[in-house]
N, C-alpha and C. Protein backbone atom coordinates (compact mmCIF):
# COMPACT_ATOMS: atom_id res chain seq x y z
N MET A 1 86.65 88.77 103.01
CA MET A 1 87.78 89.64 103.27
C MET A 1 88.98 89.10 102.49
N SER A 2 89.65 90.01 101.79
CA SER A 2 90.81 89.60 101.01
C SER A 2 92.02 89.40 101.92
N ALA A 3 93.03 88.77 101.37
CA ALA A 3 94.26 88.54 102.14
C ALA A 3 94.91 89.86 102.53
N MET A 4 94.89 90.85 101.63
CA MET A 4 95.51 92.13 101.94
C MET A 4 94.74 92.86 103.05
N THR A 5 93.41 92.81 103.00
CA THR A 5 92.60 93.43 104.05
C THR A 5 92.84 92.74 105.38
N ALA A 6 92.92 91.42 105.37
CA ALA A 6 93.20 90.67 106.60
C ALA A 6 94.59 91.03 107.13
N ASP A 7 95.55 91.21 106.23
CA ASP A 7 96.90 91.60 106.64
C ASP A 7 96.90 92.96 107.31
N MET A 8 96.14 93.92 106.77
CA MET A 8 96.08 95.25 107.38
C MET A 8 95.48 95.16 108.78
N TYR A 9 94.40 94.42 108.91
CA TYR A 9 93.75 94.21 110.22
C TYR A 9 94.75 93.60 111.20
N ASP A 10 95.42 92.55 110.78
CA ASP A 10 96.39 91.86 111.63
C ASP A 10 97.58 92.77 111.96
N ASP A 11 98.02 93.58 111.01
CA ASP A 11 99.14 94.49 111.25
C ASP A 11 98.81 95.53 112.31
N ILE A 12 97.59 96.04 112.31
CA ILE A 12 97.18 97.02 113.32
C ILE A 12 97.21 96.37 114.70
N LEU A 13 96.67 95.17 114.81
CA LEU A 13 96.67 94.48 116.11
C LEU A 13 98.08 94.06 116.53
N ALA A 14 98.94 93.73 115.58
CA ALA A 14 100.33 93.39 115.89
C ALA A 14 101.08 94.61 116.42
N TYR A 15 100.82 95.77 115.82
CA TYR A 15 101.44 97.00 116.30
C TYR A 15 100.99 97.27 117.74
N GLU A 16 99.71 97.07 118.00
CA GLU A 16 99.17 97.28 119.34
C GLU A 16 99.88 96.39 120.36
N ARG A 17 100.17 95.17 119.98
CA ARG A 17 100.83 94.23 120.89
C ARG A 17 102.29 94.57 121.12
N LYS A 18 102.99 95.05 120.08
CA LYS A 18 104.44 95.25 120.21
C LYS A 18 104.81 96.58 120.85
N ASP A 19 103.98 97.61 120.69
CA ASP A 19 104.32 98.92 121.25
C ASP A 19 104.00 98.93 122.74
N PRO A 20 104.91 99.39 123.58
CA PRO A 20 104.65 99.37 125.02
C PRO A 20 103.43 100.21 125.43
N HIS A 21 103.06 101.17 124.60
CA HIS A 21 101.88 102.00 124.88
C HIS A 21 100.66 101.53 124.10
N GLY A 22 100.80 100.42 123.40
CA GLY A 22 99.69 99.93 122.59
C GLY A 22 99.32 100.95 121.53
N LEU A 23 98.05 101.21 121.39
CA LEU A 23 97.58 102.19 120.42
C LEU A 23 97.13 103.48 121.09
N ASN A 24 97.50 103.69 122.35
CA ASN A 24 97.15 104.93 123.03
C ASN A 24 97.78 106.11 122.30
N GLY A 25 96.94 107.07 121.91
CA GLY A 25 97.41 108.24 121.16
C GLY A 25 97.53 107.99 119.66
N PHE A 26 97.21 106.82 119.22
CA PHE A 26 97.33 106.42 117.82
C PHE A 26 96.22 107.05 116.99
N VAL A 27 96.57 107.54 115.82
CA VAL A 27 95.57 108.06 114.89
C VAL A 27 95.57 107.14 113.68
N LEU A 28 94.44 106.52 113.43
CA LEU A 28 94.30 105.64 112.28
C LEU A 28 93.55 106.39 111.20
N LEU A 29 94.19 106.60 110.08
CA LEU A 29 93.61 107.34 108.97
C LEU A 29 93.24 106.35 107.87
N LEU A 30 91.97 106.32 107.53
CA LEU A 30 91.49 105.45 106.45
C LEU A 30 90.92 106.31 105.34
N HIS A 31 91.26 105.98 104.13
CA HIS A 31 90.71 106.67 102.97
C HIS A 31 89.59 105.79 102.42
N LEU A 32 88.36 106.10 102.80
CA LEU A 32 87.23 105.24 102.44
C LEU A 32 86.96 105.22 100.95
N GLY A 33 87.28 106.29 100.25
CA GLY A 33 86.99 106.35 98.82
C GLY A 33 88.21 106.11 97.96
N SER A 34 89.10 105.24 98.40
CA SER A 34 90.36 105.05 97.68
C SER A 34 90.20 104.28 96.38
N GLY A 35 89.06 103.64 96.17
CA GLY A 35 88.85 102.88 94.95
C GLY A 35 89.53 101.53 94.92
N ARG A 36 90.01 101.06 96.06
CA ARG A 36 90.67 99.76 96.12
C ARG A 36 89.65 98.66 95.83
N LYS A 37 90.12 97.58 95.25
CA LYS A 37 89.25 96.43 95.01
C LYS A 37 88.97 95.67 96.30
N ASP A 38 89.80 95.88 97.30
CA ASP A 38 89.63 95.21 98.59
C ASP A 38 89.63 96.26 99.71
N PRO A 39 88.60 97.10 99.76
CA PRO A 39 88.59 98.20 100.74
C PRO A 39 88.60 97.70 102.17
N PHE A 40 89.23 98.48 103.03
CA PHE A 40 89.33 98.10 104.43
C PHE A 40 88.10 98.51 105.24
N HIS A 41 87.34 99.49 104.78
CA HIS A 41 86.26 100.02 105.61
C HIS A 41 85.25 98.98 106.11
N PRO A 42 84.99 97.87 105.42
CA PRO A 42 84.10 96.88 106.03
C PRO A 42 84.67 96.24 107.30
N MET A 43 85.98 96.34 107.48
CA MET A 43 86.62 95.77 108.66
C MET A 43 86.74 96.78 109.81
N LEU A 44 86.33 98.03 109.57
CA LEU A 44 86.46 99.05 110.61
C LEU A 44 85.61 98.71 111.83
N GLY A 45 84.38 98.26 111.63
CA GLY A 45 83.52 97.88 112.75
C GLY A 45 84.12 96.75 113.58
N PRO A 46 84.50 95.64 112.93
CA PRO A 46 85.13 94.56 113.69
C PRO A 46 86.42 94.99 114.40
N LEU A 47 87.20 95.86 113.76
CA LEU A 47 88.43 96.36 114.40
C LEU A 47 88.08 97.18 115.63
N CYS A 48 87.12 98.08 115.52
CA CYS A 48 86.70 98.89 116.67
C CYS A 48 86.15 98.01 117.78
N ASP A 49 85.38 96.98 117.42
CA ASP A 49 84.86 96.05 118.42
C ASP A 49 86.00 95.36 119.17
N GLU A 50 86.99 94.89 118.43
CA GLU A 50 88.13 94.20 119.05
C GLU A 50 88.91 95.14 119.95
N LEU A 51 89.14 96.35 119.49
CA LEU A 51 89.90 97.30 120.30
C LEU A 51 89.10 97.73 121.54
N SER A 52 87.79 97.83 121.41
CA SER A 52 86.95 98.14 122.58
C SER A 52 87.06 97.04 123.62
N LYS A 53 87.08 95.79 123.17
CA LYS A 53 87.25 94.67 124.09
C LYS A 53 88.58 94.76 124.84
N ARG A 54 89.56 95.38 124.19
CA ARG A 54 90.89 95.52 124.79
C ARG A 54 90.99 96.78 125.65
N GLY A 55 89.88 97.49 125.80
CA GLY A 55 89.84 98.63 126.71
C GLY A 55 90.04 99.99 126.07
N TYR A 56 90.11 100.05 124.77
CA TYR A 56 90.31 101.34 124.11
C TYR A 56 89.00 102.10 123.99
N GLU A 57 89.12 103.41 124.01
CA GLU A 57 88.00 104.31 123.76
C GLU A 57 88.38 105.16 122.55
N PHE A 58 87.38 105.65 121.84
CA PHE A 58 87.63 106.36 120.60
C PHE A 58 87.21 107.83 120.72
N GLU A 59 87.98 108.68 120.07
CA GLU A 59 87.70 110.11 120.02
C GLU A 59 87.71 110.56 118.57
N ARG A 60 86.81 111.47 118.28
CA ARG A 60 86.84 112.09 116.96
C ARG A 60 87.97 113.09 116.92
N VAL A 61 88.59 113.24 115.76
CA VAL A 61 89.72 114.15 115.62
C VAL A 61 89.31 115.58 115.96
N ASP A 62 88.12 116.01 115.55
CA ASP A 62 87.73 117.39 115.85
C ASP A 62 87.63 117.62 117.36
N GLY A 63 87.30 116.59 118.11
CA GLY A 63 87.28 116.71 119.56
C GLY A 63 88.66 116.84 120.17
N LEU A 64 89.64 116.27 119.51
CA LEU A 64 91.02 116.36 119.99
C LEU A 64 91.64 117.72 119.72
N LEU A 65 91.11 118.42 118.75
CA LEU A 65 91.69 119.70 118.33
C LEU A 65 91.14 120.89 119.12
N ARG A 66 90.20 120.67 120.00
CA ARG A 66 89.63 121.78 120.77
C ARG A 66 90.59 122.29 121.80
C-alpha cells in the first residue's frame, strides 16, 4: 500500500471519528478505473471490514433510491 492510499484510508477513519454522526448516511464514491498508480480499490475490503467491526452496515445506492 502506498503512502497516499494509506492516507486516504486513514482520512476516512479520521472523518468517522470526528463527525458526531460518524459515517451514518455517508456515501463513499470510488472511481475504480481512475488509472492511478496507487489505486484505492485493494483497500476497499479492509476498509469495509473495519467499518463492519465498528457497527456499520452497507447499502447499495440503487437500494437507497427506491
